[in-house]
């Protein structure tokens, strides 16, 4: 499965109901599971982003559909990075001319 890193921020709506964040995180974890993915880790963070999540999904389309549906609820604004394992990195680099 592909790995995705999400750097996210709470929207104004999300901040107004920040105490509900644990419930929203549990709902996101379940939405990922139902879609065939896995929310492996979720961190509250300091700095430019309010949270960081590490997830796995079978493909880009499934991931994108799931994250767009969650973002459409209006509580978070995600930025996604697709991550490659060290083995994948070596294979990619090994294919360079």
PDB file of N, CA and C in Angstrom:
ATOM      1  N   UNK A   1       0.848  -1.188   0.000  1.00  0.00           N
ATOM      2  CA  UNK A   1       0.000   0.000   0.000  1.00  0.00           C
ATOM      3  C   UNK A   1       0.884   1.239   0.000  1.00  0.00           C
ATOM      4  N   UNK A   2       0.388   2.289  -0.605  1.00  0.00           N
ATOM      5  CA  UNK A   2       1.118   3.546  -0.669  1.00  0.00           C
ATOM      6  C   UNK A   2       0.977   4.303   0.657  1.00  0.00           C
ATOM      7  N   UNK A   3       2.008   5.046   0.996  1.00  0.00           N
ATOM      8  CA  UNK A   3       2.020   5.838   2.228  1.00  0.00           C
ATOM      9  C   UNK A   3       1.813   7.310   1.889  1.00  0.00           C
ATOM     10  N   UNK A   4       0.977   7.964   2.679  1.00  0.00           N
ATOM     11  CA  UNK A   4       0.675   9.385   2.493  1.00  0.00           C
ATOM     12  C   UNK A   4       0.884  10.106   3.820  1.00  0.00           C
ATOM     13  N   UNK A   5       1.558  11.232   3.750  1.00  0.00           N
ATOM     14  CA  UNK A   5       1.732  12.096   4.912  1.00  0.00           C
ATOM     15  C   UNK A   5       0.795  13.277   4.723  1.00  0.00           C
ATOM     16  N   UNK A   6       0.053  13.603   5.749  1.00  0.00           N
ATOM     17  CA  UNK A   6      -0.855  14.746   5.687  1.00  0.00           C
ATOM     18  C   UNK A   6      -0.396  15.781   6.694  1.00  0.00           C
ATOM     19  N   UNK A   7      -0.131  16.964   6.199  1.00  0.00           N
ATOM     20  CA  UNK A   7       0.139  18.120   7.042  1.00  0.00           C
ATOM     21  C   UNK A   7      -1.147  18.917   7.043  1.00  0.00           C
ATOM     22  N   UNK A   8      -1.724  19.154   8.199  1.00  0.00           N
ATOM     23  CA  UNK A   8      -3.036  19.781   8.213  1.00  0.00           C
ATOM     24  C   UNK A   8      -3.173  20.925   9.194  1.00  0.00           C
ATOM     25  N   UNK A   9      -4.129  21.754   8.886  1.00  0.00           N
ATOM     26  CA  UNK A   9      -4.491  22.866   9.762  1.00  0.00           C
ATOM     27  C   UNK A   9      -5.985  22.843  10.019  1.00  0.00           C
ATOM     28  N   UNK A  10      -6.356  23.286  11.208  1.00  0.00           N
ATOM     29  CA  UNK A  10      -7.769  23.456  11.517  1.00  0.00           C
ATOM     30  C   UNK A  10      -8.273  24.705  10.809  1.00  0.00           C
ATOM     31  N   UNK A  11      -9.475  24.639  10.282  1.00  0.00           N
ATOM     32  CA  UNK A  11     -10.134  25.824   9.742  1.00  0.00           C
ATOM     33  C   UNK A  11     -10.711  26.607  10.923  1.00  0.00           C
ATOM     34  N   UNK A  12     -11.301  27.750  10.643  1.00  0.00           N
ATOM     35  CA  UNK A  12     -11.957  28.497  11.728  1.00  0.00           C
ATOM     36  C   UNK A  12     -13.050  27.651  12.363  1.00  0.00           C
ATOM     37  N   UNK A  13     -13.811  26.959  11.537  1.00  0.00           N
ATOM     38  CA  UNK A  13     -14.873  26.070  12.037  1.00  0.00           C
ATOM     39  C   UNK A  13     -14.271  24.977  12.918  1.00  0.00           C
ATOM     40  N   UNK A  14     -13.180  24.383  12.474  1.00  0.00           N
ATOM     41  CA  UNK A  14     -12.529  23.325  13.236  1.00  0.00           C
ATOM     42  C   UNK A  14     -11.994  23.821  14.565  1.00  0.00           C
ATOM     43  N   UNK A  15     -11.490  25.042  14.589  1.00  0.00           N
ATOM     44  CA  UNK A  15     -10.969  25.607  15.847  1.00  0.00           C
ATOM     45  C   UNK A  15     -12.099  25.916  16.824  1.00  0.00           C
ATOM     46  N   UNK A  16     -13.242  26.364  16.300  1.00  0.00           N
ATOM     47  CA  UNK A  16     -14.367  26.654  17.196  1.00  0.00           C
ATOM     48  C   UNK A  16     -14.819  25.400  17.935  1.00  0.00           C
ATOM     49  N   UNK A  17     -14.637  24.245  17.299  1.00  0.00           N
ATOM     50  CA  UNK A  17     -15.046  22.976  17.900  1.00  0.00           C
ATOM     51  C   UNK A  17     -13.832  22.077  18.141  1.00  0.00           C
ATOM     52  N   UNK A  18     -12.712  22.680  18.515  1.00  0.00           N
ATOM     53  CA  UNK A  18     -11.468  21.909  18.667  1.00  0.00           C
ATOM     54  C   UNK A  18     -11.594  20.811  19.719  1.00  0.00           C
ATOM     55  N   UNK A  19     -12.461  21.001  20.705  1.00  0.00           N
ATOM     56  CA  UNK A  19     -12.650  19.967  21.726  1.00  0.00           C
ATOM     57  C   UNK A  19     -13.246  18.682  21.143  1.00  0.00           C
ATOM     58  N   UNK A  20     -13.847  18.792  19.966  1.00  0.00           N
ATOM     59  CA  UNK A  20     -14.408  17.622  19.298  1.00  0.00           C
ATOM     60  C   UNK A  20     -13.382  16.896  18.427  1.00  0.00           C
ATOM     61  N   UNK A  21     -12.169  17.406  18.390  1.00  0.00           N
ATOM     62  CA  UNK A  21     -11.131  16.829  17.525  1.00  0.00           C
ATOM     63  C   UNK A  21     -10.887  15.341  17.766  1.00  0.00           C
ATOM     64  N   UNK A  22     -10.841  14.866  19.006  1.00  0.00           N
ATOM     65  CA  UNK A  22     -10.657  13.417  19.187  1.00  0.00           C
ATOM     66  C   UNK A  22     -11.770  12.595  18.542  1.00  0.00           C
ATOM     67  N   UNK A  23     -13.010  13.074  18.617  1.00  0.00           N
ATOM     68  CA  UNK A  23     -14.120  12.369  17.973  1.00  0.00           C
ATOM     69  C   UNK A  23     -13.968  12.407  16.456  1.00  0.00           C
ATOM     70  N   UNK A  24     -13.551  13.560  15.931  1.00  0.00           N
ATOM     71  CA  UNK A  24     -13.352  13.681  14.482  1.00  0.00           C
ATOM     72  C   UNK A  24     -12.207  12.792  14.020  1.00  0.00           C
ATOM     73  N   UNK A  25     -11.162  12.684  14.829  1.00  0.00           N
ATOM     74  CA  UNK A  25     -10.038  11.809  14.478  1.00  0.00           C
ATOM     75  C   UNK A  25     -10.494  10.353  14.429  1.00  0.00           C
ATOM     76  N   UNK A  26     -11.312   9.947  15.381  1.00  0.00           N
ATOM     77  CA  UNK A  26     -11.838   8.574  15.384  1.00  0.00           C
ATOM     78  C   UNK A  26     -12.714   8.335  14.155  1.00  0.00           C
ATOM     79  N   UNK A  27     -13.514   9.324  13.790  1.00  0.00           N
ATOM     80  CA  UNK A  27     -14.359   9.195  12.597  1.00  0.00           C
ATOM     81  C   UNK A  27     -13.504   9.121  11.337  1.00  0.00           C
ATOM     82  N   UNK A  28     -12.429   9.890  11.291  1.00  0.00           N
ATOM     83  CA  UNK A  28     -11.512   9.846  10.144  1.00  0.00           C
ATOM     84  C   UNK A  28     -10.849   8.473  10.061  1.00  0.00           C
ATOM     85  N   UNK A  29     -10.414   7.956  11.195  1.00  0.00           N
ATOM     86  CA  UNK A  29      -9.785   6.628  11.227  1.00  0.00           C
ATOM     87  C   UNK A  29     -10.753   5.574  10.659  1.00  0.00           C
ATOM     88  N   UNK A  30     -12.016   5.669  11.044  1.00  0.00           N
ATOM     89  CA  UNK A  30     -13.024   4.724  10.556  1.00  0.00           C
ATOM     90  C   UNK A  30     -13.287   4.930   9.060  1.00  0.00           C
ATOM     91  N   UNK A  31     -13.349   6.182   8.620  1.00  0.00           N
ATOM     92  CA  UNK A  31     -13.560   6.456   7.188  1.00  0.00           C
ATOM     93  C   UNK A  31     -12.410   5.898   6.360  1.00  0.00           C
ATOM     94  N   UNK A  32     -11.197   6.031   6.862  1.00  0.00           N
ATOM     95  CA  UNK A  32     -10.042   5.467   6.165  1.00  0.00           C
ATOM     96  C   UNK A  32     -10.187   3.946   6.083  1.00  0.00           C
ATOM     97  N   UNK A  33     -10.557   3.311   7.189  1.00  0.00           N
ATOM     98  CA  UNK A  33     -10.693   1.854   7.231  1.00  0.00           C
ATOM     99  C   UNK A  33     -11.747   1.373   6.242  1.00  0.00           C
ATOM    100  N   UNK A  34     -12.907   2.037   6.245  1.00  0.00           N
ATOM    101  CA  UNK A  34     -14.005   1.658   5.357  1.00  0.00           C
ATOM    102  C   UNK A  34     -13.584   1.794   3.889  1.00  0.00           C
ATOM    103  N   UNK A  35     -12.751   2.780   3.588  1.00  0.00           N
ATOM    104  CA  UNK A  35     -12.291   3.006   2.217  1.00  0.00           C
ATOM    105  C   UNK A  35     -11.158   2.056   1.817  1.00  0.00           C
ATOM    106  N   UNK A  36     -10.690   1.241   2.762  1.00  0.00           N
ATOM    107  CA  UNK A  36      -9.606   0.316   2.457  1.00  0.00           C
ATOM    108  C   UNK A  36      -8.243   0.822   2.852  1.00  0.00           C
ATOM    109  N   UNK A  37      -8.214   1.935   3.581  1.00  0.00           N
ATOM    110  CA  UNK A  37      -6.950   2.522   4.014  1.00  0.00           C
ATOM    111  C   UNK A  37      -6.713   2.306   5.498  1.00  0.00           C
ATOM    112  N   UNK A  38      -5.692   2.975   5.990  1.00  0.00           N
ATOM    113  CA  UNK A  38      -5.325   2.854   7.398  1.00  0.00           C
ATOM    114  C   UNK A  38      -4.696   4.158   7.858  1.00  0.00           C
ATOM    115  N   UNK A  39      -5.259   4.741   8.900  1.00  0.00           N
ATOM    116  CA  UNK A  39      -4.647   5.906   9.535  1.00  0.00           C
ATOM    117  C   UNK A  39      -3.672   5.365  10.563  1.00  0.00           C
ATOM    118  N   UNK A  40      -2.400   5.258  10.175  1.00  0.00           N
ATOM    119  CA  UNK A  40      -1.398   4.625  11.035  1.00  0.00           C
ATOM    120  C   UNK A  40      -1.062   5.459  12.259  1.00  0.00           C
ATOM    121  N   UNK A  41      -0.834   6.756  12.043  1.00  0.00           N
ATOM    122  CA  UNK A  41      -0.429   7.623  13.150  1.00  0.00           C
ATOM    123  C   UNK A  41      -1.022   9.010  12.964  1.00  0.00           C
ATOM    124  N   UNK A  42      -1.311   9.652  14.080  1.00  0.00           N
ATOM    125  CA  UNK A  42      -1.830  11.014  14.063  1.00  0.00           C
ATOM    126  C   UNK A  42      -1.159  11.781  15.191  1.00  0.00           C
ATOM    127  N   UNK A  43      -0.586  12.922  14.851  1.00  0.00           N
ATOM    128  CA  UNK A  43       0.132  13.737  15.826  1.00  0.00           C
ATOM    129  C   UNK A  43      -0.419  15.162  15.835  1.00  0.00           C
ATOM    130  N   UNK A  44      -0.620  15.717  17.001  1.00  0.00           N
ATOM    131  CA  UNK A  44      -0.836  17.144  17.150  1.00  0.00           C
ATOM    132  C   UNK A  44       0.550  17.761  17.035  1.00  0.00           C
ATOM    133  N   UNK A  45       0.696  18.869  16.334  1.00  0.00           N
ATOM    134  CA  UNK A  45       2.032  19.428  16.145  1.00  0.00           C
ATOM    135  C   UNK A  45       2.048  20.928  16.411  1.00  0.00           C
ATOM    136  N   UNK A  46       3.231  21.417  16.652  1.00  0.00           N
ATOM    137  CA  UNK A  46       3.470  22.847  16.852  1.00  0.00           C
ATOM    138  C   UNK A  46       4.139  23.394  15.600  1.00  0.00           C
ATOM    139  N   UNK A  47       3.911  24.651  15.317  1.00  0.00           N
ATOM    140  CA  UNK A  47       4.547  25.259  14.155  1.00  0.00           C
ATOM    141  C   UNK A  47       3.532  25.573  13.078  1.00  0.00           C
ATOM    142  N   UNK A  48       3.946  25.434  11.834  1.00  0.00           N
ATOM    143  CA  UNK A  48       3.126  25.829  10.700  1.00  0.00           C
ATOM    144  C   UNK A  48       1.858  24.977  10.554  1.00  0.00           C
ATOM    145  N   UNK A  49       1.922  23.720  10.988  1.00  0.00           N
ATOM    146  CA  UNK A  49       0.789  22.809  10.848  1.00  0.00           C
ATOM    147  C   UNK A  49       0.267  22.396  12.219  1.00  0.00           C
ATOM    148  N   UNK A  50      -1.051  22.201  12.296  1.00  0.00           N
ATOM    149  CA  UNK A  50      -1.694  21.818  13.549  1.00  0.00           C
ATOM    150  C   UNK A  50      -1.600  20.322  13.822  1.00  0.00           C
ATOM    151  N   UNK A  51      -1.528  19.533  12.745  1.00  0.00           N
ATOM    152  CA  UNK A  51      -1.412  18.083  12.923  1.00  0.00           C
ATOM    153  C   UNK A  51      -0.684  17.461  11.744  1.00  0.00           C
ATOM    154  N   UNK A  52      -0.166  16.263  12.000  1.00  0.00           N
ATOM    155  CA  UNK A  52       0.496  15.450  10.977  1.00  0.00           C
ATOM    156  C   UNK A  52      -0.093  14.048  11.078  1.00  0.00           C
ATOM    157  N   UNK A  53      -0.448  13.478   9.950  1.00  0.00           N
ATOM    158  CA  UNK A  53      -0.989  12.125   9.924  1.00  0.00           C
ATOM    159  C   UNK A  53      -0.186  11.276   8.947  1.00  0.00           C
ATOM    160  N   UNK A  54      -0.051  10.013   9.283  1.00  0.00           N
ATOM    161  CA  UNK A  54       0.591   9.035   8.404  1.00  0.00           C
ATOM    162  C   UNK A  54      -0.468   7.994   8.076  1.00  0.00           C
ATOM    163  N   UNK A  55      -0.728   7.809   6.788  1.00  0.00           N
ATOM    164  CA  UNK A  55      -1.763   6.862   6.392  1.00  0.00           C
ATOM    165  C   UNK A  55      -1.290   5.992   5.239  1.00  0.00           C
ATOM    166  N   UNK A  56      -2.016   4.907   5.033  1.00  0.00           N
ATOM    167  CA  UNK A  56      -1.748   3.994   3.927  1.00  0.00           C
ATOM    168  C   UNK A  56      -3.046   3.767   3.169  1.00  0.00           C
ATOM    169  N   UNK A  57      -2.940   3.741   1.851  1.00  0.00           N
ATOM    170  CA  UNK A  57      -4.097   3.482   0.997  1.00  0.00           C
ATOM    171  C   UNK A  57      -3.660   2.635  -0.181  1.00  0.00           C
ATOM    172  N   UNK A  58      -4.603   1.902  -0.770  1.00  0.00           N
ATOM    173  CA  UNK A  58      -4.239   1.053  -1.888  1.00  0.00           C
ATOM    174  C   UNK A  58      -3.835   1.825  -3.147  1.00  0.00           C
ATOM    175  N   UNK A  59      -4.354   3.059  -3.304  1.00  0.00           N
ATOM    176  CA  UNK A  59      -4.017   3.832  -4.503  1.00  0.00           C
ATOM    177  C   UNK A  59      -4.339   5.314  -4.276  1.00  0.00           C
ATOM    178  N   UNK A  60      -3.831   6.139  -5.198  1.00  0.00           N
ATOM    179  CA  UNK A  60      -3.997   7.593  -5.089  1.00  0.00           C
ATOM    180  C   UNK A  60      -5.466   8.015  -5.162  1.00  0.00           C
ATOM    181  N   UNK A  61      -6.242   7.378  -6.024  1.00  0.00           N
ATOM    182  CA  UNK A  61      -7.641   7.770  -6.181  1.00  0.00           C
ATOM    183  C   UNK A  61      -8.446   7.531  -4.907  1.00  0.00           C
ATOM    184  N   UNK A  62      -8.245   6.387  -4.288  1.00  0.00           N
ATOM    185  CA  UNK A  62      -8.970   6.072  -3.051  1.00  0.00           C
ATOM    186  C   UNK A  62      -8.576   7.036  -1.947  1.00  0.00           C
ATOM    187  N   UNK A  63      -7.282   7.303  -1.838  1.00  0.00           N
ATOM    188  CA  UNK A  63      -6.803   8.254  -0.835  1.00  0.00           C
ATOM    189  C   UNK A  63      -7.438   9.626  -1.070  1.00  0.00           C
ATOM    190  N   UNK A  64      -7.342  10.105  -2.302  1.00  0.00           N
ATOM    191  CA  UNK A  64      -7.827  11.451  -2.617  1.00  0.00           C
ATOM    192  C   UNK A  64      -9.318  11.583  -2.354  1.00  0.00           C
ATOM    193  N   UNK A  65     -10.085  10.600  -2.775  1.00  0.00           N
ATOM    194  CA  UNK A  65     -11.534  10.625  -2.550  1.00  0.00           C
ATOM    195  C   UNK A  65     -11.849  10.702  -1.056  1.00  0.00           C
ATOM    196  N   UNK A  66     -11.153   9.906  -0.259  1.00  0.00           N
ATOM    197  CA  UNK A  66     -11.406   9.854   1.180  1.00  0.00           C
ATOM    198  C   UNK A  66     -11.040  11.170   1.854  1.00  0.00           C
ATOM    199  N   UNK A  67      -9.876  11.708   1.516  1.00  0.00           N
ATOM    200  CA  UNK A  67      -9.433  12.955   2.151  1.00  0.00           C
ATOM    201  C   UNK A  67     -10.286  14.144   1.706  1.00  0.00           C
ATOM    202  N   UNK A  68     -10.689  14.167   0.440  1.00  0.00           N
ATOM    203  CA  UNK A  68     -11.567  15.242  -0.016  1.00  0.00           C
ATOM    204  C   UNK A  68     -12.910  15.202   0.715  1.00  0.00           C
ATOM    205  N   UNK A  69     -13.437  14.006   0.926  1.00  0.00           N
ATOM    206  CA  UNK A  69     -14.712  13.883   1.640  1.00  0.00           C
ATOM    207  C   UNK A  69     -14.577  14.403   3.070  1.00  0.00           C
ATOM    208  N   UNK A  70     -13.467  14.094   3.724  1.00  0.00           N
ATOM    209  CA  UNK A  70     -13.255  14.587   5.094  1.00  0.00           C
ATOM    210  C   UNK A  70     -13.024  16.098   5.114  1.00  0.00           C
ATOM    211  N   UNK A  71     -12.244  16.598   4.168  1.00  0.00           N
ATOM    212  CA  UNK A  71     -11.980  18.038   4.110  1.00  0.00           C
ATOM    213  C   UNK A  71     -13.257  18.820   3.817  1.00  0.00           C
ATOM    214  N   UNK A  72     -14.166  18.225   3.048  1.00  0.00           N
ATOM    215  CA  UNK A  72     -15.418  18.897   2.698  1.00  0.00           C
ATOM    216  C   UNK A  72     -16.301  19.148   3.913  1.00  0.00           C
ATOM    217  N   UNK A  73     -16.029  18.462   5.016  1.00  0.00           N
ATOM    218  CA  UNK A  73     -16.794  18.712   6.246  1.00  0.00           C
ATOM    219  C   UNK A  73     -16.454  20.072   6.848  1.00  0.00           C
ATOM    220  N   UNK A  74     -15.325  20.647   6.428  1.00  0.00           N
ATOM    221  CA  UNK A  74     -15.004  22.022   6.795  1.00  0.00           C
ATOM    222  C   UNK A  74     -14.183  22.230   8.045  1.00  0.00           C
ATOM    223  N   UNK A  75     -13.668  21.182   8.659  1.00  0.00           N
ATOM    224  CA  UNK A  75     -12.918  21.352   9.909  1.00  0.00           C
ATOM    225  C   UNK A  75     -11.406  21.421   9.741  1.00  0.00           C
ATOM    226  N   UNK A  76     -10.913  20.854   8.652  1.00  0.00           N
ATOM    227  CA  UNK A  76      -9.463  20.825   8.424  1.00  0.00           C
ATOM    228  C   UNK A  76      -9.143  21.169   6.979  1.00  0.00           C
ATOM    229  N   UNK A  77      -7.929  21.636   6.778  1.00  0.00           N
ATOM    230  CA  UNK A  77      -7.409  21.893   5.445  1.00  0.00           C
ATOM    231  C   UNK A  77      -6.119  21.094   5.314  1.00  0.00           C
ATOM    232  N   UNK A  78      -6.159  19.983   4.537  1.00  0.00           N
ATOM    233  CA  UNK A  78      -4.994  19.106   4.442  1.00  0.00           C
ATOM    234  C   UNK A  78      -4.048  19.472   3.302  1.00  0.00           C
ATOM    235  N   UNK A  79      -2.782  19.168   3.495  1.00  0.00           N
ATOM    236  CA  UNK A  79      -1.761  19.197   2.457  1.00  0.00           C
ATOM    237  C   UNK A  79      -1.142  17.809   2.449  1.00  0.00           C
ATOM    238  N   UNK A  80      -1.097  17.182   1.288  1.00  0.00           N
ATOM    239  CA  UNK A  80      -0.653  15.795   1.196  1.00  0.00           C
ATOM    240  C   UNK A  80       0.727  15.669   0.580  1.00  0.00           C
ATOM    241  N   UNK A  81       1.507  14.772   1.149  1.00  0.00           N
ATOM    242  CA  UNK A  81       2.786  14.358   0.586  1.00  0.00           C
ATOM    243  C   UNK A  81       2.715  12.855   0.395  1.00  0.00           C
ATOM    244  N   UNK A  82       3.021  12.377  -0.795  1.00  0.00           N
ATOM    245  CA  UNK A  82       3.103  10.934  -0.994  1.00  0.00           C
ATOM    246  C   UNK A  82       4.517  10.516  -0.615  1.00  0.00           C
ATOM    247  N   UNK A  83       4.623   9.501   0.222  1.00  0.00           N
ATOM    248  CA  UNK A  83       5.928   9.077   0.740  1.00  0.00           C
ATOM    249  C   UNK A  83       6.332   7.750   0.111  1.00  0.00           C
ATOM    250  N   UNK A  84       7.633   7.571  -0.036  1.00  0.00           N
ATOM    251  CA  UNK A  84       8.191   6.335  -0.570  1.00  0.00           C
ATOM    252  C   UNK A  84       9.102   5.714   0.486  1.00  0.00           C
ATOM    253  N   UNK A  85       9.005   4.410   0.644  1.00  0.00           N
ATOM    254  CA  UNK A  85       9.864   3.713   1.589  1.00  0.00           C
ATOM    255  C   UNK A  85      11.312   3.769   1.093  1.00  0.00           C
ATOM    256  N   UNK A  86      12.220   3.373   1.955  1.00  0.00           N
ATOM    257  CA  UNK A  86      13.622   3.345   1.547  1.00  0.00           C
ATOM    258  C   UNK A  86      13.834   2.369   0.392  1.00  0.00           C
ATOM    259  N   UNK A  87      13.169   1.226   0.430  1.00  0.00           N
ATOM    260  CA  UNK A  87      13.285   0.257  -0.672  1.00  0.00           C
ATOM    261  C   UNK A  87      12.752   0.840  -1.976  1.00  0.00           C
ATOM    262  N   UNK A  88      11.612   1.529  -1.901  1.00  0.00           N
ATOM    263  CA  UNK A  88      11.062   2.168  -3.098  1.00  0.00           C
ATOM    264  C   UNK A  88      12.005   3.247  -3.611  1.00  0.00           C
ATOM    265  N   UNK A  89      12.585   4.012  -2.703  1.00  0.00           N
ATOM    266  CA  UNK A  89      13.542   5.054  -3.062  1.00  0.00           C
ATOM    267  C   UNK A  89      14.723   4.439  -3.806  1.00  0.00           C
ATOM    268  N   UNK A  90      15.264   3.343  -3.277  1.00  0.00           N
ATOM    269  CA  UNK A  90      16.400   2.675  -3.919  1.00  0.00           C
ATOM    270  C   UNK A  90      16.023   2.181  -5.317  1.00  0.00           C
ATOM    271  N   UNK A  91      14.816   1.638  -5.470  1.00  0.00           N
ATOM    272  CA  UNK A  91      14.357   1.156  -6.774  1.00  0.00           C
ATOM    273  C   UNK A  91      14.209   2.325  -7.755  1.00  0.00           C
ATOM    274  N   UNK A  92      13.661   3.431  -7.287  1.00  0.00           N
ATOM    275  CA  UNK A  92      13.502   4.618  -8.127  1.00  0.00           C
ATOM    276  C   UNK A  92      14.864   5.122  -8.578  1.00  0.00           C
ATOM    277  N   UNK A  93      15.772   5.283  -7.634  1.00  0.00           N
ATOM    278  CA  UNK A  93      17.116   5.779  -7.944  1.00  0.00           C
ATOM    279  C   UNK A  93      17.859   4.781  -8.834  1.00  0.00           C
ATOM    280  N   UNK A  94      17.646   3.495  -8.587  1.00  0.00           N
ATOM    281  CA  UNK A  94      18.305   2.457  -9.386  1.00  0.00           C
ATOM    282  C   UNK A  94      17.885   2.475 -10.841  1.00  0.00           C
ATOM    283  N   UNK A  95      16.740   3.048 -11.140  1.00  0.00           N
ATOM    284  CA  UNK A  95      16.256   3.124 -12.503  1.00  0.00           C
ATOM    285  C   UNK A  95      16.714   4.347 -13.268  1.00  0.00           C
ATOM    286  N   UNK A  96      17.497   5.204 -12.611  1.00  0.00           N
ATOM    287  CA  UNK A  96      17.988   6.404 -13.301  1.00  0.00           C
ATOM    288  C   UNK A  96      19.021   6.031 -14.361  1.00  0.00           C
ATOM    289  N   UNK A  97      19.063   6.776 -15.470  1.00  0.00           N
ATOM    290  CA  UNK A  97      20.059   6.495 -16.511  1.00  0.00           C
ATOM    291  C   UNK A  97      21.474   6.800 -16.039  1.00  0.00           C
TER     292      UNK A  97
END
